Amino acid sequence: MTLSLILACLWAISANVIAILPARKSHWPAAYVLIGLGVPLLGFVTYENGPWIGLLVLAAGASMLRWPVRYLGGFLGRWIKGKLT
């Protein structure tokens, strides 16, 4: 297992630990930190292991951070709809 995949696994474990913490107010700031760490980590995984493994890690990260992804998707959908109408 490469260093990038080990770091990605540690990122996933930390995301799960943060998710089970009872404080609701700390979830969004923690999500921003996880996104900030996850984007370069995703690039590192893709660089070391190839695009297919990178896509798998991207899907795993998106499934853990589903609310920020859902919010971004809704925002982009409204923005595109506003530009088309």
PDB file of N, CA and C in Angstrom:
ATOM      1  N   MET A   1       0.862  -1.172   0.000  1.00  0.00           N
ATOM      2  CA  MET A   1       0.000   0.000   0.000  1.00  0.00           C
ATOM      3  C   MET A   1       0.906   1.232   0.000  1.00  0.00           C
ATOM      4  N   THR A   2       0.582   2.166  -0.850  1.00  0.00           N
ATOM      5  CA  THR A   2       1.406   3.363  -0.981  1.00  0.00           C
ATOM      6  C   THR A   2       1.111   4.359   0.141  1.00  0.00           C
ATOM      7  N   LEU A   3       2.013   5.314   0.288  1.00  0.00           N
ATOM      8  CA  LEU A   3       1.847   6.345   1.317  1.00  0.00           C
ATOM      9  C   LEU A   3       0.561   7.127   1.106  1.00  0.00           C
ATOM     10  N   SER A   4       0.227   7.412  -0.137  1.00  0.00           N
ATOM     11  CA  SER A   4      -0.977   8.197  -0.407  1.00  0.00           C
ATOM     12  C   SER A   4      -2.244   7.452   0.019  1.00  0.00           C
ATOM     13  N   LEU A   5      -2.279   6.154  -0.197  1.00  0.00           N
ATOM     14  CA  LEU A   5      -3.461   5.384   0.219  1.00  0.00           C
ATOM     15  C   LEU A   5      -3.541   5.262   1.734  1.00  0.00           C
ATOM     16  N   ILE A   6      -2.403   5.181   2.397  1.00  0.00           N
ATOM     17  CA  ILE A   6      -2.408   5.166   3.862  1.00  0.00           C
ATOM     18  C   ILE A   6      -2.944   6.487   4.395  1.00  0.00           C
ATOM     19  N   LEU A   7      -2.496   7.597   3.815  1.00  0.00           N
ATOM     20  CA  LEU A   7      -3.001   8.906   4.227  1.00  0.00           C
ATOM     21  C   LEU A   7      -4.493   9.055   3.925  1.00  0.00           C
ATOM     22  N   ALA A   8      -4.938   8.502   2.799  1.00  0.00           N
ATOM     23  CA  ALA A   8      -6.362   8.560   2.463  1.00  0.00           C
ATOM     24  C   ALA A   8      -7.183   7.746   3.465  1.00  0.00           C
ATOM     25  N   CYS A   9      -6.664   6.618   3.892  1.00  0.00           N
ATOM     26  CA  CYS A   9      -7.365   5.821   4.908  1.00  0.00           C
ATOM     27  C   CYS A   9      -7.422   6.563   6.240  1.00  0.00           C
ATOM     28  N   LEU A  10      -6.332   7.228   6.616  1.00  0.00           N
ATOM     29  CA  LEU A  10      -6.345   8.032   7.843  1.00  0.00           C
ATOM     30  C   LEU A  10      -7.321   9.189   7.732  1.00  0.00           C
ATOM     31  N   TRP A  11      -7.424   9.783   6.545  1.00  0.00           N
ATOM     32  CA  TRP A  11      -8.393  10.850   6.320  1.00  0.00           C
ATOM     33  C   TRP A  11      -9.817  10.317   6.505  1.00  0.00           C
ATOM     34  N   ALA A  12     -10.079   9.130   5.964  1.00  0.00           N
ATOM     35  CA  ALA A  12     -11.417   8.535   6.076  1.00  0.00           C
ATOM     36  C   ALA A  12     -11.745   8.195   7.529  1.00  0.00           C
ATOM     37  N   ILE A  13     -10.771   7.689   8.261  1.00  0.00           N
ATOM     38  CA  ILE A  13     -11.004   7.378   9.676  1.00  0.00           C
ATOM     39  C   ILE A  13     -11.285   8.650  10.458  1.00  0.00           C
ATOM     40  N   SER A  14     -10.510   9.702  10.198  1.00  0.00           N
ATOM     41  CA  SER A  14     -10.756  10.960  10.909  1.00  0.00           C
ATOM     42  C   SER A  14     -12.115  11.552  10.541  1.00  0.00           C
ATOM     43  N   ALA A  15     -12.541  11.409   9.287  1.00  0.00           N
ATOM     44  CA  ALA A  15     -13.865  11.899   8.890  1.00  0.00           C
ATOM     45  C   ALA A  15     -14.962  11.152   9.635  1.00  0.00           C
ATOM     46  N   ASN A  16     -14.798   9.854   9.814  1.00  0.00           N
ATOM     47  CA  ASN A  16     -15.801   9.076  10.544  1.00  0.00           C
ATOM     48  C   ASN A  16     -15.808   9.412  12.027  1.00  0.00           C
ATOM     49  N   VAL A  17     -14.639   9.646  12.598  1.00  0.00           N
ATOM     50  CA  VAL A  17     -14.581  10.023  14.016  1.00  0.00           C
ATOM     51  C   VAL A  17     -15.242  11.383  14.227  1.00  0.00           C
ATOM     52  N   ILE A  18     -14.981  12.318  13.336  1.00  0.00           N
ATOM     53  CA  ILE A  18     -15.609  13.640  13.441  1.00  0.00           C
ATOM     54  C   ILE A  18     -17.124  13.528  13.293  1.00  0.00           C
ATOM     55  N   ALA A  19     -17.580  12.624  12.442  1.00  0.00           N
ATOM     56  CA  ALA A  19     -19.021  12.474  12.212  1.00  0.00           C
ATOM     57  C   ALA A  19     -19.751  11.939  13.431  1.00  0.00           C
ATOM     58  N   ILE A  20     -19.088  11.148  14.254  1.00  0.00           N
ATOM     59  CA  ILE A  20     -19.783  10.587  15.410  1.00  0.00           C
ATOM     60  C   ILE A  20     -19.679  11.464  16.650  1.00  0.00           C
ATOM     61  N   LEU A  21     -18.938  12.572  16.565  1.00  0.00           N
ATOM     62  CA  LEU A  21     -18.866  13.489  17.696  1.00  0.00           C
ATOM     63  C   LEU A  21     -20.216  14.157  17.902  1.00  0.00           C
ATOM     64  N   PRO A  22     -20.607  14.391  19.149  1.00  0.00           N
ATOM     65  CA  PRO A  22     -21.954  14.916  19.396  1.00  0.00           C
ATOM     66  C   PRO A  22     -22.140  16.394  19.088  1.00  0.00           C
ATOM     67  N   ALA A  23     -21.099  17.173  18.987  1.00  0.00           N
ATOM     68  CA  ALA A  23     -21.250  18.618  18.784  1.00  0.00           C
ATOM     69  C   ALA A  23     -21.628  18.919  17.341  1.00  0.00           C
ATOM     70  N   ARG A  24     -22.828  19.426  17.123  1.00  0.00           N
ATOM     71  CA  ARG A  24     -23.293  19.724  15.772  1.00  0.00           C
ATOM     72  C   ARG A  24     -22.642  20.981  15.206  1.00  0.00           C
ATOM     73  N   LYS A  25     -22.276  21.917  16.073  1.00  0.00           N
ATOM     74  CA  LYS A  25     -21.710  23.178  15.592  1.00  0.00           C
ATOM     75  C   LYS A  25     -20.315  23.003  15.011  1.00  0.00           C
ATOM     76  N   SER A  26     -19.644  21.929  15.343  1.00  0.00           N
ATOM     77  CA  SER A  26     -18.280  21.738  14.840  1.00  0.00           C
ATOM     78  C   SER A  26     -18.240  20.939  13.543  1.00  0.00           C
ATOM     79  N   HIS A  27     -19.371  20.491  13.058  1.00  0.00           N
ATOM     80  CA  HIS A  27     -19.359  19.652  11.859  1.00  0.00           C
ATOM     81  C   HIS A  27     -18.976  20.428  10.604  1.00  0.00           C
ATOM     82  N   TRP A  28     -19.540  21.607  10.387  1.00  0.00           N
ATOM     83  CA  TRP A  28     -19.215  22.359   9.173  1.00  0.00           C
ATOM     84  C   TRP A  28     -17.771  22.845   9.153  1.00  0.00           C
ATOM     85  N   PRO A  29     -17.244  23.404  10.254  1.00  0.00           N
ATOM     86  CA  PRO A  29     -15.814  23.763  10.223  1.00  0.00           C
ATOM     87  C   PRO A  29     -14.916  22.546  10.000  1.00  0.00           C
ATOM     88  N   ALA A  30     -15.289  21.421  10.592  1.00  0.00           N
ATOM     89  CA  ALA A  30     -14.509  20.200  10.376  1.00  0.00           C
ATOM     90  C   ALA A  30     -14.614  19.738   8.928  1.00  0.00           C
ATOM     91  N   ALA A  31     -15.784  19.924   8.324  1.00  0.00           N
ATOM     92  CA  ALA A  31     -15.940  19.554   6.912  1.00  0.00           C
ATOM     93  C   ALA A  31     -15.064  20.427   6.026  1.00  0.00           C
ATOM     94  N   TYR A  32     -14.955  21.711   6.361  1.00  0.00           N
ATOM     95  CA  TYR A  32     -14.082  22.590   5.577  1.00  0.00           C
ATOM     96  C   TYR A  32     -12.627  22.166   5.687  1.00  0.00           C
ATOM     97  N   VAL A  33     -12.208  21.764   6.882  1.00  0.00           N
ATOM     98  CA  VAL A  33     -10.829  21.280   7.075  1.00  0.00           C
ATOM     99  C   VAL A  33     -10.620  19.985   6.300  1.00  0.00           C
ATOM    100  N   LEU A  34     -11.585  19.076   6.367  1.00  0.00           N
ATOM    101  CA  LEU A  34     -11.461  17.812   5.636  1.00  0.00           C
ATOM    102  C   LEU A  34     -11.400  18.039   4.133  1.00  0.00           C
ATOM    103  N   ILE A  35     -12.179  18.983   3.624  1.00  0.00           N
ATOM    104  CA  ILE A  35     -12.135  19.295   2.197  1.00  0.00           C
ATOM    105  C   ILE A  35     -10.784  19.897   1.837  1.00  0.00           C
ATOM    106  N   GLY A  36     -10.295  20.809   2.683  1.00  0.00           N
ATOM    107  CA  GLY A  36      -9.007  21.433   2.436  1.00  0.00           C
ATOM    108  C   GLY A  36      -7.854  20.450   2.434  1.00  0.00           C
ATOM    109  N   LEU A  37      -7.934  19.433   3.273  1.00  0.00           N
ATOM    110  CA  LEU A  37      -6.901  18.395   3.285  1.00  0.00           C
ATOM    111  C   LEU A  37      -7.147  17.344   2.207  1.00  0.00           C
ATOM    112  N   GLY A  38      -8.398  17.119   1.875  1.00  0.00           N
ATOM    113  CA  GLY A  38      -8.738  16.045   0.952  1.00  0.00           C
ATOM    114  C   GLY A  38      -8.421  16.340  -0.497  1.00  0.00           C
ATOM    115  N   VAL A  39      -8.513  17.583  -0.910  1.00  0.00           N
ATOM    116  CA  VAL A  39      -8.259  17.928  -2.321  1.00  0.00           C
ATOM    117  C   VAL A  39      -6.803  17.653  -2.706  1.00  0.00           C
ATOM    118  N   PRO A  40      -5.809  18.151  -1.942  1.00  0.00           N
ATOM    119  CA  PRO A  40      -4.430  17.798  -2.312  1.00  0.00           C
ATOM    120  C   PRO A  40      -4.136  16.311  -2.132  1.00  0.00           C
ATOM    121  N   LEU A  41      -4.764  15.706  -1.135  1.00  0.00           N
ATOM    122  CA  LEU A  41      -4.573  14.277  -0.930  1.00  0.00           C
ATOM    123  C   LEU A  41      -5.118  13.485  -2.107  1.00  0.00           C
ATOM    124  N   LEU A  42      -6.235  13.911  -2.654  1.00  0.00           N
ATOM    125  CA  LEU A  42      -6.795  13.261  -3.838  1.00  0.00           C
ATOM    126  C   LEU A  42      -5.846  13.378  -5.027  1.00  0.00           C
ATOM    127  N   GLY A  43      -5.243  14.532  -5.188  1.00  0.00           N
ATOM    128  CA  GLY A  43      -4.246  14.690  -6.245  1.00  0.00           C
ATOM    129  C   GLY A  43      -3.048  13.786  -6.039  1.00  0.00           C
ATOM    130  N   PHE A  44      -2.606  13.648  -4.791  1.00  0.00           N
ATOM    131  CA  PHE A  44      -1.477  12.776  -4.468  1.00  0.00           C
ATOM    132  C   PHE A  44      -1.820  11.315  -4.747  1.00  0.00           C
ATOM    133  N   VAL A  45      -3.025  10.905  -4.369  1.00  0.00           N
ATOM    134  CA  VAL A  45      -3.460   9.517  -4.636  1.00  0.00           C
ATOM    135  C   VAL A  45      -3.516   9.270  -6.137  1.00  0.00           C
ATOM    136  N   THR A  46      -4.068  10.213  -6.877  1.00  0.00           N
ATOM    137  CA  THR A  46      -4.171  10.055  -8.330  1.00  0.00           C
ATOM    138  C   THR A  46      -2.789  10.021  -8.967  1.00  0.00           C
ATOM    139  N   TYR A  47      -1.878  10.841  -8.489  1.00  0.00           N
ATOM    140  CA  TYR A  47      -0.518  10.875  -9.023  1.00  0.00           C
ATOM    141  C   TYR A  47       0.210   9.549  -8.782  1.00  0.00           C
ATOM    142  N   GLU A  48       0.071   9.001  -7.572  1.00  0.00           N
ATOM    143  CA  GLU A  48       0.801   7.782  -7.232  1.00  0.00           C
ATOM    144  C   GLU A  48       0.153   6.510  -7.759  1.00  0.00           C
ATOM    145  N   ASN A  49      -1.183   6.481  -7.846  1.00  0.00           N
ATOM    146  CA  ASN A  49      -1.880   5.229  -8.120  1.00  0.00           C
ATOM    147  C   ASN A  49      -2.675   5.217  -9.420  1.00  0.00           C
ATOM    148  N   GLY A  50      -2.783   6.339 -10.079  1.00  0.00           N
ATOM    149  CA  GLY A  50      -3.505   6.372 -11.335  1.00  0.00           C
ATOM    150  C   GLY A  50      -4.906   6.933 -11.190  1.00  0.00           C
ATOM    151  N   PRO A  51      -5.535   7.230 -12.327  1.00  0.00           N
ATOM    152  CA  PRO A  51      -6.838   7.897 -12.293  1.00  0.00           C
ATOM    153  C   PRO A  51      -7.981   7.022 -11.778  1.00  0.00           C
ATOM    154  N   TRP A  52      -7.927   5.725 -11.979  1.00  0.00           N
ATOM    155  CA  TRP A  52      -9.031   4.878 -11.526  1.00  0.00           C
ATOM    156  C   TRP A  52      -9.091   4.811 -10.007  1.00  0.00           C
ATOM    157  N   ILE A  53      -7.949   4.663  -9.373  1.00  0.00           N
ATOM    158  CA  ILE A  53      -7.917   4.663  -7.909  1.00  0.00           C
ATOM    159  C   ILE A  53      -8.280   6.053  -7.398  1.00  0.00           C
ATOM    160  N   GLY A  54      -7.838   7.082  -8.107  1.00  0.00           N
ATOM    161  CA  GLY A  54      -8.214   8.450  -7.743  1.00  0.00           C
ATOM    162  C   GLY A  54      -9.715   8.661  -7.782  1.00  0.00           C
ATOM    163  N   LEU A  55     -10.367   8.103  -8.784  1.00  0.00           N
ATOM    164  CA  LEU A  55     -11.832   8.209  -8.860  1.00  0.00           C
ATOM    165  C   LEU A  55     -12.512   7.452  -7.725  1.00  0.00           C
ATOM    166  N   LEU A  56     -11.961   6.307  -7.345  1.00  0.00           N
ATOM    167  CA  LEU A  56     -12.523   5.562  -6.210  1.00  0.00           C
ATOM    168  C   LEU A  56     -12.393   6.352  -4.910  1.00  0.00           C
ATOM    169  N   VAL A  57     -11.231   6.963  -4.712  1.00  0.00           N
ATOM    170  CA  VAL A  57     -11.027   7.769  -3.509  1.00  0.00           C
ATOM    171  C   VAL A  57     -11.930   9.011  -3.545  1.00  0.00           C
ATOM    172  N   LEU A  58     -12.119   9.600  -4.714  1.00  0.00           N
ATOM    173  CA  LEU A  58     -13.040  10.732  -4.847  1.00  0.00           C
ATOM    174  C   LEU A  58     -14.461  10.318  -4.485  1.00  0.00           C
ATOM    175  N   ALA A  59     -14.904   9.177  -4.958  1.00  0.00           N
ATOM    176  CA  ALA A  59     -16.251   8.695  -4.633  1.00  0.00           C
ATOM    177  C   ALA A  59     -16.387   8.413  -3.137  1.00  0.00           C
ATOM    178  N   ALA A  60     -15.342   7.844  -2.534  1.00  0.00           N
ATOM    179  CA  ALA A  60     -15.388   7.576  -1.096  1.00  0.00           C
ATOM    180  C   ALA A  60     -15.457   8.875  -0.302  1.00  0.00           C
ATOM    181  N   GLY A  61     -14.668   9.861  -0.701  1.00  0.00           N
ATOM    182  CA  GLY A  61     -14.701  11.147  -0.012  1.00  0.00           C
ATOM    183  C   GLY A  61     -16.028  11.861  -0.189  1.00  0.00           C
ATOM    184  N   ALA A  62     -16.584  11.795  -1.376  1.00  0.00           N
ATOM    185  CA  ALA A  62     -17.880  12.435  -1.619  1.00  0.00           C
ATOM    186  C   ALA A  62     -18.993  11.754  -0.838  1.00  0.00           C
ATOM    187  N   SER A  63     -18.891  10.444  -0.642  1.00  0.00           N
ATOM    188  CA  SER A  63     -19.927   9.762   0.134  1.00  0.00           C
ATOM    189  C   SER A  63     -19.839  10.122   1.614  1.00  0.00           C
ATOM    190  N   MET A  64     -18.635  10.426   2.093  1.00  0.00           N
ATOM    191  CA  MET A  64     -18.502  10.817   3.499  1.00  0.00           C
ATOM    192  C   MET A  64     -18.889  12.268   3.721  1.00  0.00           C
ATOM    193  N   LEU A  65     -18.614  13.116   2.747  1.00  0.00           N
ATOM    194  CA  LEU A  65     -18.938  14.535   2.858  1.00  0.00           C
ATOM    195  C   LEU A  65     -20.149  14.862   1.999  1.00  0.00           C
ATOM    196  N   ARG A  66     -21.208  14.092   2.165  1.00  0.00           N
ATOM    197  CA  ARG A  66     -22.347  14.213   1.255  1.00  0.00           C
ATOM    198  C   ARG A  66     -23.086  15.530   1.398  1.00  0.00           C
ATOM    199  N   TRP A  67     -23.144  16.152   2.570  1.00  0.00           N
ATOM    200  CA  TRP A  67     -23.872  17.412   2.702  1.00  0.00           C
ATOM    201  C   TRP A  67     -23.177  18.552   1.988  1.00  0.00           C
ATOM    202  N   PRO A  68     -21.858  18.715   2.113  1.00  0.00           N
ATOM    203  CA  PRO A  68     -21.225  19.767   1.296  1.00  0.00           C
ATOM    204  C   PRO A  68     -21.368  19.506  -0.200  1.00  0.00           C
ATOM    205  N   VAL A  69     -21.311  18.246  -0.611  1.00  0.00           N
ATOM    206  CA  VAL A  69     -21.468  17.920  -2.031  1.00  0.00           C
ATOM    207  C   VAL A  69     -22.890  18.217  -2.481  1.00  0.00           C
ATOM    208  N   ARG A  70     -23.872  17.875  -1.660  1.00  0.00           N
ATOM    209  CA  ARG A  70     -25.268  18.157  -1.996  1.00  0.00           C
ATOM    210  C   ARG A  70     -25.521  19.662  -2.064  1.00  0.00           C
ATOM    211  N   TYR A  71     -24.939  20.402  -1.126  1.00  0.00           N
ATOM    212  CA  TYR A  71     -25.091  21.858  -1.125  1.00  0.00           C
ATOM    213  C   TYR A  71     -24.467  22.457  -2.388  1.00  0.00           C
ATOM    214  N   LEU A  72     -23.262  22.006  -2.746  1.00  0.00           N
ATOM    215  CA  LEU A  72     -22.600  22.510  -3.941  1.00  0.00           C
ATOM    216  C   LEU A  72     -23.402  22.158  -5.196  1.00  0.00           C
ATOM    217  N   GLY A  73     -23.935  20.944  -5.254  1.00  0.00           N
ATOM    218  CA  GLY A  73     -24.742  20.543  -6.410  1.00  0.00           C
ATOM    219  C   GLY A  73     -26.003  21.375  -6.543  1.00  0.00           C
ATOM    220  N   GLY A  74     -26.655  21.653  -5.428  1.00  0.00           N
ATOM    221  CA  GLY A  74     -27.851  22.493  -5.455  1.00  0.00           C
ATOM    222  C   GLY A  74     -27.528  23.918  -5.864  1.00  0.00           C
ATOM    223  N   PHE A  75     -26.417  24.423  -5.359  1.00  0.00           N
ATOM    224  CA  PHE A  75     -25.995  25.783  -5.712  1.00  0.00           C
ATOM    225  C   PHE A  75     -25.676  25.876  -7.199  1.00  0.00           C
ATOM    226  N   LEU A  76     -24.923  24.917  -7.721  1.00  0.00           N
ATOM    227  CA  LEU A  76     -24.584  24.936  -9.144  1.00  0.00           C
ATOM    228  C   LEU A  76     -25.815  24.753 -10.018  1.00  0.00           C
ATOM    229  N   GLY A  77     -26.751  23.917  -9.568  1.00  0.00           N
ATOM    230  CA  GLY A  77     -27.980  23.719 -10.342  1.00  0.00           C
ATOM    231  C   GLY A  77     -28.797  24.991 -10.437  1.00  0.00           C
ATOM    232  N   ARG A  78     -28.901  25.707  -9.300  1.00  0.00           N
ATOM    233  CA  ARG A  78     -29.647  26.980  -9.308  1.00  0.00           C
ATOM    234  C   ARG A  78     -28.924  28.009 -10.160  1.00  0.00           C
ATOM    235  N   TRP A  79     -27.586  28.031 -10.105  1.00  0.00           N
ATOM    236  CA  TRP A  79     -26.821  29.000 -10.867  1.00  0.00           C
ATOM    237  C   TRP A  79     -26.979  28.744 -12.365  1.00  0.00           C
ATOM    238  N   ILE A  80     -26.903  27.481 -12.773  1.00  0.00           N
ATOM    239  CA  ILE A  80     -27.066  27.144 -14.200  1.00  0.00           C
ATOM    240  C   ILE A  80     -28.487  27.445 -14.657  1.00  0.00           C
ATOM    241  N   LYS A  81     -29.469  27.110 -13.825  1.00  0.00           N
ATOM    242  CA  LYS A  81     -30.858  27.386 -14.181  1.00  0.00           C
ATOM    243  C   LYS A  81     -31.090  28.884 -14.321  1.00  0.00           C
ATOM    244  N   GLY A  82     -30.471  29.683 -13.449  1.00  0.00           N
ATOM    245  CA  GLY A  82     -30.601  31.134 -13.540  1.00  0.00           C
ATOM    246  C   GLY A  82     -29.950  31.684 -14.800  1.00  0.00           C
ATOM    247  N   LYS A  83     -28.847  31.103 -15.219  1.00  0.00           N
ATOM    248  CA  LYS A  83     -28.176  31.561 -16.442  1.00  0.00           C
ATOM    249  C   LYS A  83     -28.947  31.180 -17.704  1.00  0.00           C
ATOM    250  N   LEU A  84     -29.672  30.061 -17.676  1.00  0.00           N
ATOM    251  CA  LEU A  84     -30.398  29.588 -18.847  1.00  0.00           C
ATOM    252  C   LEU A  84     -31.757  30.265 -18.999  1.00  0.00           C
ATOM    253  N   THR A  85     -32.305  30.769 -17.900  1.00  0.00           N
ATOM    254  CA  THR A  85     -33.628  31.401 -17.992  1.00  0.00           C
ATOM    255  C   THR A  85     -33.558  32.889 -17.899  1.00  0.00           C
TER     256      THR A  85
END
